[in-house]
């Protein structure tokens, strides 16, 4: 079985990050296995995955499996030129 990307999930606006594993990404729906605190339906989430940050809403849960409707995403590699200018 191929390795699945490890990601981090947090409830907005100020929740702590939890570890998760991506199961699938189909269209605007991201399916995850989330460890740690149970997230309530409708929760607004920030998801860090590799070089992408997603923002969305928890639509469905079944035990540790969660389905998130992705509303926005950002390829953080596009921020590198800005970081270089600002000296970060």
Protein backbone atom coordinates (compact mmCIF):
# COMPACT_ATOMS: atom_id res chain seq x y z
CA UNK A 1 0.00 0.00 0.00
CA UNK A 2 1.45 3.41 -0.89
CA UNK A 3 2.18 5.91 1.87
CA UNK A 4 -0.59 8.42 2.42
CA UNK A 5 0.39 12.01 3.04
CA UNK A 6 0.46 13.11 6.67
CA UNK A 7 -1.32 16.36 7.34
CA UNK A 8 -2.35 18.62 10.20
CA UNK A 9 -5.88 19.85 10.94
CA UNK A 10 -7.09 22.56 13.30
CA UNK A 11 -10.44 24.08 14.14
CA UNK A 12 -10.69 27.77 13.36
CA UNK A 13 -10.14 30.34 14.72
CA UNK A 14 -7.67 29.13 17.37
CA UNK A 15 -7.76 25.35 17.77
CA UNK A 16 -4.64 23.25 18.28
CA UNK A 17 -3.32 21.22 15.35
CA UNK A 18 -4.14 17.49 15.24
CA UNK A 19 -2.49 14.85 13.09
CA UNK A 20 -4.48 13.38 10.22
CA UNK A 21 -4.01 11.19 7.18
CA UNK A 22 -5.44 12.05 3.78
CA UNK A 23 -7.58 9.28 2.33
CA UNK A 24 -8.75 11.01 -0.84
CA UNK A 25 -9.33 14.35 -2.55
CA UNK A 26 -12.17 14.33 -5.07
CA UNK A 27 -13.26 17.65 -6.50
CA UNK A 28 -13.76 19.91 -3.52
CA UNK A 29 -14.14 17.12 -0.94
CA UNK A 30 -11.21 15.98 1.19
CA UNK A 31 -11.54 12.72 3.12
CA UNK A 32 -9.32 12.33 6.20
CA UNK A 33 -8.60 10.06 9.14
CA UNK A 34 -8.24 12.43 12.10
CA UNK A 35 -6.60 11.52 15.41
CA UNK A 36 -7.18 13.39 18.64
CA UNK A 37 -10.13 15.56 19.62
CA UNK A 38 -13.43 14.86 17.87
CA UNK A 39 -14.46 17.72 15.59
CA UNK A 40 -18.13 18.81 15.49
CA UNK A 41 -20.11 18.84 12.25
CA UNK A 42 -20.03 22.25 10.63
CA UNK A 43 -16.65 23.14 12.19
CA UNK A 44 -14.51 25.50 10.12
CA UNK A 45 -11.09 23.91 9.56
CA UNK A 46 -7.59 24.76 8.38
CA UNK A 47 -5.72 21.81 6.87
CA UNK A 48 -1.97 21.85 6.15
CA UNK A 49 -0.90 19.28 3.57
CA UNK A 50 2.59 19.46 2.09
CA UNK A 51 2.81 22.78 0.27
CA UNK A 52 -0.94 23.45 0.32
CA UNK A 53 -3.19 24.97 2.96
CA UNK A 54 -6.90 24.24 2.68
CA UNK A 55 -9.80 25.96 4.44
CA UNK A 56 -13.17 24.28 4.61
CA UNK A 57 -16.10 23.00 6.65
CA UNK A 58 -16.58 19.57 8.21
CA UNK A 59 -19.51 17.95 6.40
CA UNK A 60 -19.54 14.37 7.67
CA UNK A 61 -17.86 12.12 10.24
CA UNK A 62 -17.85 8.38 10.84
CA UNK A 63 -15.60 7.56 13.77
CA UNK A 64 -12.15 8.89 12.87
CA UNK A 65 -13.06 9.46 9.21
CA UNK A 66 -14.04 13.01 8.26
CA UNK A 67 -15.19 14.57 5.00
CA UNK A 68 -14.39 18.26 4.56
CA UNK A 69 -15.88 20.54 1.92
CA UNK A 70 -12.95 22.67 0.72
CA UNK A 71 -13.81 26.34 0.18
CA UNK A 72 -10.32 27.81 -0.38
CA UNK A 73 -6.77 26.58 -0.92
CA UNK A 74 -3.35 28.19 -1.13
CA UNK A 75 -0.20 26.79 -2.74
CA UNK A 76 2.38 28.01 -0.23
CA UNK A 77 5.24 27.65 -2.74
CA UNK A 78 3.78 30.74 -4.44
CA UNK A 79 4.56 32.68 -1.26
CA UNK A 80 8.32 32.07 -1.54
CA UNK A 81 9.08 35.19 -3.63
CA UNK A 82 7.18 37.31 -1.10
CA UNK A 83 9.03 35.71 1.81
CA UNK A 84 12.36 36.45 0.10
CA UNK A 85 11.45 40.12 -0.36
CA UNK A 86 10.36 40.42 3.28
CA UNK A 87 13.40 38.49 4.53
CA UNK A 88 11.50 35.64 6.17
